[in-house]
């Protein structure tokens, strides 16, 4: 069974081990702090290289974006010009159907207007004949 003295001895051994460990870690810290200075220089150089690579990549992406944007603009412009030519040539499908409907409506209205005109002319002729007849009858009655 452990006694108090045994416990003290094991505590002393642990303290000696911890002291040895702490001395080792202090020595490692000192050696690392020297290498950290070198490491920070490398890190800065590495960061600068990485930054330059990222900037170059960003410039490439911006250039690609500008090229694609210009290409898209040119395609849209060409598409609009082609659509305008189709409209001028009366071949644009989205304008042909409404145009056909409008032409049919115009034909119907023209036909109705012609019929209306003929009826109006007949009406005027009938009124004229009626007035002539009434005038003749009136003239015959008085003379």
N, C-alpha and C. Protein backbone atom coordinates (compact mmCIF):
# COMPACT_ATOMS: atom_id res chain seq x y z
N UNK A 1 0.83 -1.16 0.00
CA UNK A 1 0.00 0.00 0.00
C UNK A 1 0.88 1.22 0.00
N UNK A 2 0.51 2.17 -0.83
CA UNK A 2 1.36 3.35 -0.91
C UNK A 2 1.25 4.17 0.36
N UNK A 3 2.31 4.73 0.68
CA UNK A 3 2.31 5.59 1.87
C UNK A 3 2.51 7.01 1.43
N UNK A 4 2.48 7.89 2.37
CA UNK A 4 2.65 9.31 2.08
C UNK A 4 4.04 9.55 1.52
N UNK A 5 5.03 8.85 2.03
CA UNK A 5 6.38 9.02 1.53
C UNK A 5 6.48 8.58 0.07
N UNK A 6 5.81 7.49 -0.26
CA UNK A 6 5.82 7.03 -1.65
C UNK A 6 5.18 8.07 -2.57
N UNK A 7 4.14 8.67 -2.06
CA UNK A 7 3.44 9.68 -2.85
C UNK A 7 4.34 10.87 -3.08
N UNK A 8 5.08 11.30 -2.11
CA UNK A 8 5.99 12.42 -2.26
C UNK A 8 7.08 12.10 -3.26
N UNK A 9 7.61 10.87 -3.20
CA UNK A 9 8.65 10.49 -4.13
C UNK A 9 8.14 10.52 -5.57
N UNK A 10 6.90 10.03 -5.77
CA UNK A 10 6.38 10.04 -7.14
C UNK A 10 6.09 11.47 -7.59
N UNK A 11 5.70 12.34 -6.67
CA UNK A 11 5.48 13.75 -7.03
C UNK A 11 6.80 14.40 -7.42
N UNK A 12 7.89 14.07 -6.69
CA UNK A 12 9.18 14.63 -7.03
C UNK A 12 9.62 14.17 -8.42
N UNK A 13 9.39 12.92 -8.72
CA UNK A 13 9.78 12.40 -10.03
C UNK A 13 8.98 13.11 -11.14
N UNK A 14 7.69 13.32 -10.90
CA UNK A 14 6.85 14.00 -11.91
C UNK A 14 7.32 15.43 -12.10
N UNK A 15 7.69 16.10 -11.00
CA UNK A 15 8.15 17.49 -11.08
C UNK A 15 9.46 17.56 -11.85
N UNK A 16 10.35 16.59 -11.58
CA UNK A 16 11.62 16.57 -12.31
C UNK A 16 11.35 16.36 -13.80
N UNK A 17 10.42 15.48 -14.12
CA UNK A 17 10.10 15.21 -15.52
C UNK A 17 9.49 16.44 -16.16
N UNK A 18 8.61 17.12 -15.44
CA UNK A 18 7.98 18.32 -15.98
C UNK A 18 9.01 19.42 -16.16
N UNK A 19 9.94 19.56 -15.23
CA UNK A 19 10.97 20.57 -15.34
C UNK A 19 11.83 20.28 -16.55
N UNK A 20 12.15 19.02 -16.74
CA UNK A 20 12.95 18.63 -17.91
C UNK A 20 12.16 18.93 -19.20
N UNK A 21 10.89 18.63 -19.17
CA UNK A 21 10.05 18.90 -20.34
C UNK A 21 9.96 20.39 -20.61
N UNK A 22 9.81 21.17 -19.54
CA UNK A 22 9.67 22.62 -19.74
C UNK A 22 10.97 23.21 -20.24
N UNK A 23 12.11 22.66 -19.77
CA UNK A 23 13.40 23.15 -20.27
C UNK A 23 13.54 22.80 -21.75
N UNK A 24 13.11 21.61 -22.12
CA UNK A 24 13.19 21.20 -23.52
C UNK A 24 12.30 22.09 -24.39
N UNK A 25 11.11 22.36 -23.89
CA UNK A 25 10.19 23.15 -24.70
C UNK A 25 10.68 24.59 -24.81
N UNK A 26 11.34 25.11 -23.77
CA UNK A 26 11.90 26.46 -23.86
C UNK A 26 13.01 26.50 -24.91
N UNK A 27 13.86 25.44 -24.93
CA UNK A 27 14.93 25.38 -25.91
C UNK A 27 14.34 25.27 -27.33
N UNK A 28 13.27 24.49 -27.46
CA UNK A 28 12.62 24.35 -28.77
C UNK A 28 12.02 25.67 -29.21
N UNK A 29 11.40 26.40 -28.24
CA UNK A 29 10.81 27.70 -28.56
C UNK A 29 11.88 28.67 -29.05
N UNK A 30 13.04 28.66 -28.36
CA UNK A 30 14.11 29.56 -28.78
C UNK A 30 14.62 29.18 -30.17
N UNK A 31 14.78 27.89 -30.41
CA UNK A 31 15.28 27.48 -31.72
C UNK A 31 14.21 27.75 -32.79
N UNK A 32 12.96 27.60 -32.42
CA UNK A 32 11.89 27.85 -33.37
C UNK A 32 11.75 29.35 -33.64
N UNK A 33 11.95 30.17 -32.62
CA UNK A 33 11.80 31.61 -32.84
C UNK A 33 12.84 32.09 -33.84
N UNK A 34 13.98 31.50 -33.83
CA UNK A 34 15.00 31.84 -34.82
C UNK A 34 14.55 31.38 -36.20
N UNK A 35 13.97 30.20 -36.25
CA UNK A 35 13.52 29.69 -37.55
C UNK A 35 12.22 30.37 -37.97
N UNK A 36 11.47 30.88 -37.00
CA UNK A 36 10.25 31.60 -37.34
C UNK A 36 10.58 32.87 -38.08
N UNK A 37 11.65 33.52 -37.74
CA UNK A 37 12.06 34.71 -38.47
C UNK A 37 12.32 34.36 -39.92
N UNK A 38 13.02 33.24 -40.11
CA UNK A 38 13.26 32.77 -41.47
C UNK A 38 11.95 32.33 -42.11
N UNK A 39 11.12 31.68 -41.30
CA UNK A 39 9.84 31.18 -41.79
C UNK A 39 8.93 32.33 -42.18
N UNK A 40 8.94 33.41 -41.39
CA UNK A 40 8.07 34.55 -41.72
C UNK A 40 8.53 35.21 -43.01
N UNK A 41 9.87 35.24 -43.24
CA UNK A 41 10.36 35.78 -44.50
C UNK A 41 9.87 34.92 -45.66
N UNK A 42 9.95 33.61 -45.46
CA UNK A 42 9.47 32.70 -46.50
C UNK A 42 7.97 32.86 -46.68
N UNK A 43 7.26 32.99 -45.57
CA UNK A 43 5.82 33.17 -45.65
C UNK A 43 5.48 34.45 -46.41
N UNK A 44 6.21 35.52 -46.15
CA UNK A 44 5.95 36.78 -46.85
C UNK A 44 6.24 36.63 -48.34
N UNK A 45 7.36 35.96 -48.64
CA UNK A 45 7.69 35.74 -50.05
C UNK A 45 6.63 34.85 -50.70
N UNK A 46 6.25 33.81 -49.97
CA UNK A 46 5.23 32.91 -50.47
C UNK A 46 3.91 33.64 -50.69
N UNK A 47 3.57 34.49 -49.72
CA UNK A 47 2.33 35.28 -49.83
C UNK A 47 2.40 36.22 -51.03
N UNK A 48 3.56 36.83 -51.23
CA UNK A 48 3.72 37.76 -52.35
C UNK A 48 3.60 37.01 -53.68
N UNK A 49 4.22 35.83 -53.74
CA UNK A 49 4.11 35.01 -54.95
C UNK A 49 2.66 34.61 -55.18
N UNK A 50 2.03 34.16 -54.12
CA UNK A 50 0.61 33.75 -54.21
C UNK A 50 -0.26 34.94 -54.62
N UNK A 51 0.02 36.10 -54.08
CA UNK A 51 -0.74 37.32 -54.40
C UNK A 51 -0.57 37.66 -55.89
N UNK A 52 0.68 37.57 -56.37
CA UNK A 52 0.93 37.84 -57.79
C UNK A 52 0.19 36.85 -58.68
N UNK A 53 0.21 35.57 -58.28
CA UNK A 53 -0.51 34.55 -59.05
C UNK A 53 -2.01 34.86 -59.07
N UNK A 54 -2.53 35.23 -57.92
CA UNK A 54 -3.96 35.54 -57.84
C UNK A 54 -4.30 36.77 -58.69
N UNK A 55 -3.44 37.78 -58.65
CA UNK A 55 -3.67 38.98 -59.46
C UNK A 55 -3.63 38.64 -60.95
N UNK A 56 -2.66 37.80 -61.33
CA UNK A 56 -2.59 37.38 -62.73
C UNK A 56 -3.83 36.59 -63.15
N UNK A 57 -4.26 35.69 -62.26
CA UNK A 57 -5.48 34.92 -62.54
C UNK A 57 -6.68 35.86 -62.66
N UNK A 58 -6.76 36.84 -61.79
CA UNK A 58 -7.87 37.79 -61.82
C UNK A 58 -7.84 38.61 -63.10
N UNK A 59 -6.66 39.03 -63.53
CA UNK A 59 -6.54 39.78 -64.79
C UNK A 59 -6.99 38.92 -65.96
N UNK A 60 -6.59 37.64 -65.95
CA UNK A 60 -7.01 36.73 -67.00
C UNK A 60 -8.54 36.58 -67.01
N UNK A 61 -9.11 36.41 -65.83
CA UNK A 61 -10.56 36.28 -65.74
C UNK A 61 -11.27 37.55 -66.21
N UNK A 62 -10.73 38.70 -65.84
CA UNK A 62 -11.33 39.96 -66.27
C UNK A 62 -11.24 40.09 -67.80
N UNK A 63 -10.12 39.71 -68.36
CA UNK A 63 -9.94 39.77 -69.80
C UNK A 63 -10.93 38.82 -70.49
N UNK A 64 -11.06 37.60 -69.96
CA UNK A 64 -12.01 36.64 -70.51
C UNK A 64 -13.43 37.16 -70.41
N UNK A 65 -13.76 37.75 -69.26
CA UNK A 65 -15.10 38.30 -69.06
C UNK A 65 -15.37 39.41 -70.08
N UNK A 66 -14.39 40.30 -70.26
CA UNK A 66 -14.56 41.39 -71.22
C UNK A 66 -14.73 40.85 -72.63
N UNK A 67 -13.94 39.84 -72.99
CA UNK A 67 -14.05 39.23 -74.32
C UNK A 67 -15.43 38.61 -74.52
N UNK A 68 -15.88 37.87 -73.54
CA UNK A 68 -17.19 37.22 -73.64
C UNK A 68 -18.30 38.26 -73.68
N UNK A 69 -18.16 39.31 -72.88
CA UNK A 69 -19.16 40.38 -72.87
C UNK A 69 -19.22 41.06 -74.23
N UNK A 70 -18.06 41.34 -74.82
CA UNK A 70 -18.02 41.95 -76.15
C UNK A 70 -18.62 41.01 -77.20
N UNK A 71 -18.30 39.74 -77.08
CA UNK A 71 -18.83 38.75 -78.02
C UNK A 71 -20.36 38.68 -77.91
N UNK A 72 -20.87 38.67 -76.69
CA UNK A 72 -22.32 38.64 -76.47
C UNK A 72 -22.97 39.90 -77.04
N UNK A 73 -22.35 41.04 -76.82
CA UNK A 73 -22.88 42.30 -77.36
C UNK A 73 -22.92 42.24 -78.88
N UNK A 74 -21.87 41.73 -79.49
CA UNK A 74 -21.81 41.64 -80.94
C UNK A 74 -22.88 40.68 -81.46
N UNK A 75 -23.06 39.55 -80.78
CA UNK A 75 -24.08 38.58 -81.19
C UNK A 75 -25.47 39.20 -81.11
N UNK A 76 -25.75 39.93 -80.03
CA UNK A 76 -27.05 40.58 -79.89
C UNK A 76 -27.26 41.62 -80.98
N UNK A 77 -26.23 42.38 -81.27
CA UNK A 77 -26.32 43.40 -82.32
C UNK A 77 -26.61 42.74 -83.68
N UNK A 78 -25.91 41.66 -83.97
CA UNK A 78 -26.13 40.94 -85.22
C UNK A 78 -27.55 40.38 -85.27
N UNK A 79 -28.00 39.84 -84.15
CA UNK A 79 -29.35 39.29 -84.08
C UNK A 79 -30.40 40.37 -84.34
N UNK A 80 -30.20 41.54 -83.76
CA UNK A 80 -31.14 42.65 -83.95
C UNK A 80 -31.12 43.12 -85.41
N UNK A 81 -29.94 43.21 -85.99
CA UNK A 81 -29.84 43.61 -87.40
C UNK A 81 -30.54 42.61 -88.31
N UNK A 82 -30.35 41.32 -88.04
CA UNK A 82 -31.02 40.30 -88.84
C UNK A 82 -32.54 40.39 -88.69
N UNK A 83 -33.00 40.63 -87.47
CA UNK A 83 -34.44 40.75 -87.23
C UNK A 83 -34.99 41.97 -87.96
N UNK A 84 -34.24 43.06 -87.98
CA UNK A 84 -34.66 44.27 -88.69
C UNK A 84 -34.76 44.00 -90.19
N UNK A 85 -33.79 43.25 -90.73
CA UNK A 85 -33.85 42.90 -92.16
C UNK A 85 -35.08 42.04 -92.45
N UNK A 86 -35.39 41.10 -91.56
CA UNK A 86 -36.58 40.26 -91.74
C UNK A 86 -37.84 41.12 -91.74
N UNK A 87 -37.89 42.11 -90.86
CA UNK A 87 -39.05 42.99 -90.80
C UNK A 87 -39.16 43.81 -92.08
N UNK A 88 -38.04 44.35 -92.54
CA UNK A 88 -38.05 45.15 -93.76
C UNK A 88 -38.45 44.30 -94.96
N UNK A 89 -38.03 43.04 -94.99
CA UNK A 89 -38.37 42.14 -96.10
C UNK A 89 -39.73 41.47 -95.90
N UNK A 90 -40.37 41.77 -94.79
CA UNK A 90 -41.67 41.20 -94.43
C UNK A 90 -41.61 39.68 -94.35
N UNK A 91 -40.56 39.17 -93.75
CA UNK A 91 -40.41 37.72 -93.58
C UNK A 91 -40.35 37.31 -92.11
N UNK A 92 -40.46 38.26 -91.21
CA UNK A 92 -40.37 37.94 -89.77
C UNK A 92 -41.66 37.23 -89.34
N UNK A 93 -41.51 36.04 -88.77
CA UNK A 93 -42.67 35.21 -88.43
C UNK A 93 -43.58 35.88 -87.39
N UNK A 94 -43.02 36.56 -86.41
CA UNK A 94 -43.87 37.17 -85.39
C UNK A 94 -44.63 38.39 -85.91
N UNK A 95 -44.27 38.85 -87.11
CA UNK A 95 -45.00 39.97 -87.72
C UNK A 95 -45.90 39.50 -88.86
N UNK A 96 -45.61 38.32 -89.42
CA UNK A 96 -46.42 37.82 -90.54
C UNK A 96 -47.84 37.46 -90.10
N UNK A 97 -47.98 36.78 -88.97
CA UNK A 97 -49.31 36.40 -88.51
C UNK A 97 -50.19 37.62 -88.22
N UNK A 98 -49.72 38.58 -87.43
CA UNK A 98 -50.55 39.77 -87.21
C UNK A 98 -50.80 40.54 -88.51
N UNK A 99 -49.82 40.58 -89.39
CA UNK A 99 -49.99 41.28 -90.66
C UNK A 99 -51.07 40.60 -91.50
N UNK A 100 -51.07 39.28 -91.51
CA UNK A 100 -52.10 38.54 -92.24
C UNK A 100 -53.48 38.84 -91.67
N UNK A 101 -53.57 38.85 -90.35
CA UNK A 101 -54.85 39.17 -89.70
C UNK A 101 -55.29 40.59 -90.03
N UNK A 102 -54.35 41.53 -90.01
CA UNK A 102 -54.70 42.92 -90.34
C UNK A 102 -55.14 43.05 -91.79
N UNK A 103 -54.47 42.36 -92.68
CA UNK A 103 -54.85 42.42 -94.10
C UNK A 103 -56.24 41.83 -94.30
N UNK A 104 -56.54 40.74 -93.63
CA UNK A 104 -57.87 40.13 -93.73
C UNK A 104 -58.93 41.09 -93.19
N UNK A 105 -58.63 41.72 -92.06
CA UNK A 105 -59.57 42.70 -91.50
C UNK A 105 -59.76 43.88 -92.46
N UNK A 106 -58.68 44.33 -93.08
CA UNK A 106 -58.77 45.43 -94.04
C UNK A 106 -59.62 45.02 -95.25
N UNK A 107 -59.42 43.81 -95.73
CA UNK A 107 -60.21 43.32 -96.86
C UNK A 107 -61.69 43.28 -96.52
N UNK A 108 -62.02 42.79 -95.33
CA UNK A 108 -63.42 42.72 -94.89
C UNK A 108 -64.02 44.13 -94.78
N UNK A 109 -63.28 45.03 -94.19
CA UNK A 109 -63.79 46.40 -94.03
C UNK A 109 -63.98 47.08 -95.39
N UNK A 110 -63.03 46.83 -96.30
CA UNK A 110 -63.15 47.41 -97.64
C UNK A 110 -64.38 46.85 -98.35
N UNK A 111 -64.59 45.57 -98.22
CA UNK A 111 -65.76 44.94 -98.83
C UNK A 111 -67.05 45.51 -98.26
N UNK A 112 -67.12 45.63 -96.94
CA UNK A 112 -68.30 46.21 -96.29
C UNK A 112 -68.49 47.66 -96.73
N UNK A 113 -67.39 48.41 -96.83
CA UNK A 113 -67.49 49.80 -97.26
C UNK A 113 -68.01 49.91 -98.69
N UNK A 114 -67.59 49.02 -99.57
CA UNK A 114 -68.07 49.03 -100.96
C UNK A 114 -69.56 48.73 -101.01
N UNK A 115 -69.97 47.72 -100.25
CA UNK A 115 -71.40 47.38 -100.21
C UNK A 115 -72.20 48.56 -99.66
N UNK A 116 -71.70 49.17 -98.60
CA UNK A 116 -72.36 50.33 -98.00
C UNK A 116 -72.47 51.46 -99.02
N UNK A 117 -71.40 51.68 -99.77
CA UNK A 117 -71.41 52.75 -100.78
C UNK A 117 -72.46 52.48 -101.85
N UNK A 118 -72.51 51.22 -102.32
CA UNK A 118 -73.50 50.88 -103.34
C UNK A 118 -74.92 51.09 -102.82
N UNK A 119 -75.16 50.69 -101.57
CA UNK A 119 -76.49 50.88 -100.98
C UNK A 119 -76.83 52.37 -100.84
N UNK A 120 -75.84 53.15 -100.44
CA UNK A 120 -76.06 54.60 -100.31
C UNK A 120 -76.39 55.21 -101.68
N UNK A 121 -75.65 54.80 -102.72
CA UNK A 121 -75.92 55.29 -104.08
C UNK A 121 -77.33 54.90 -104.53
N UNK A 122 -77.70 53.65 -104.25
CA UNK A 122 -79.06 53.20 -104.61
C UNK A 122 -80.10 54.02 -103.86
N UNK A 123 -79.84 54.31 -102.60
CA UNK A 123 -80.76 55.10 -101.80
C UNK A 123 -80.90 56.51 -102.37
N UNK A 124 -79.78 57.10 -102.74
CA UNK A 124 -79.82 58.46 -103.32
C UNK A 124 -80.56 58.43 -104.66
N UNK A 125 -80.32 57.41 -105.46
CA UNK A 125 -81.02 57.29 -106.75
C UNK A 125 -82.52 57.15 -106.54
N UNK A 126 -82.91 56.30 -105.60
CA UNK A 126 -84.33 56.11 -105.30
C UNK A 126 -84.97 57.42 -104.83
N UNK A 127 -84.27 58.15 -103.95
CA UNK A 127 -84.81 59.44 -103.48
C UNK A 127 -84.94 60.41 -104.66
N UNK A 128 -83.93 60.41 -105.53
CA UNK A 128 -83.98 61.30 -106.69
C UNK A 128 -85.15 60.93 -107.60
N UNK A 129 -85.35 59.65 -107.84
CA UNK A 129 -86.47 59.21 -108.67
C UNK A 129 -87.80 59.56 -108.03
N UNK A 130 -87.87 59.42 -106.71
CA UNK A 130 -89.10 59.75 -105.99
C UNK A 130 -89.41 61.24 -106.12
N UNK A 131 -88.40 62.06 -105.94
CA UNK A 131 -88.61 63.50 -106.07
C UNK A 131 -89.00 63.88 -107.49
N UNK A 132 -88.36 63.27 -108.50
CA UNK A 132 -88.72 63.52 -109.90
C UNK A 132 -90.18 63.14 -110.15
N UNK A 133 -90.56 61.98 -109.66
CA UNK A 133 -91.92 61.50 -109.85
C UNK A 133 -92.91 62.43 -109.16
N UNK A 134 -92.56 62.83 -107.92
CA UNK A 134 -93.45 63.72 -107.17
C UNK A 134 -93.56 65.07 -107.89
N UNK A 135 -92.46 65.55 -108.46
CA UNK A 135 -92.47 66.82 -109.18
C UNK A 135 -93.33 66.70 -110.44
N UNK A 136 -93.22 65.65 -111.17
CA UNK A 136 -94.00 65.45 -112.37
C UNK A 136 -95.49 65.36 -112.04
N UNK A 137 -95.79 64.60 -111.01
CA UNK A 137 -97.20 64.47 -110.61
C UNK A 137 -97.76 65.81 -110.17
N UNK A 138 -96.96 66.56 -109.46
CA UNK A 138 -97.38 67.89 -109.02
C UNK A 138 -97.59 68.79 -110.23
N UNK A 139 -96.75 68.71 -111.19
CA UNK A 139 -96.83 69.55 -112.37
C UNK A 139 -98.08 69.18 -113.19
N UNK A 140 -98.35 67.90 -113.29
CA UNK A 140 -99.52 67.43 -114.03
C UNK A 140 -100.81 67.86 -113.33
N UNK A 141 -100.84 67.88 -112.07
CA UNK A 141 -102.04 68.24 -111.33
C UNK A 141 -102.31 69.74 -111.53
N UNK A 142 -101.35 70.58 -111.48
CA UNK A 142 -101.55 72.03 -111.58
C UNK A 142 -101.59 72.50 -113.01
N UNK A 143 -101.12 71.91 -113.96
CA UNK A 143 -101.09 72.37 -115.33
C UNK A 143 -101.82 71.49 -116.21
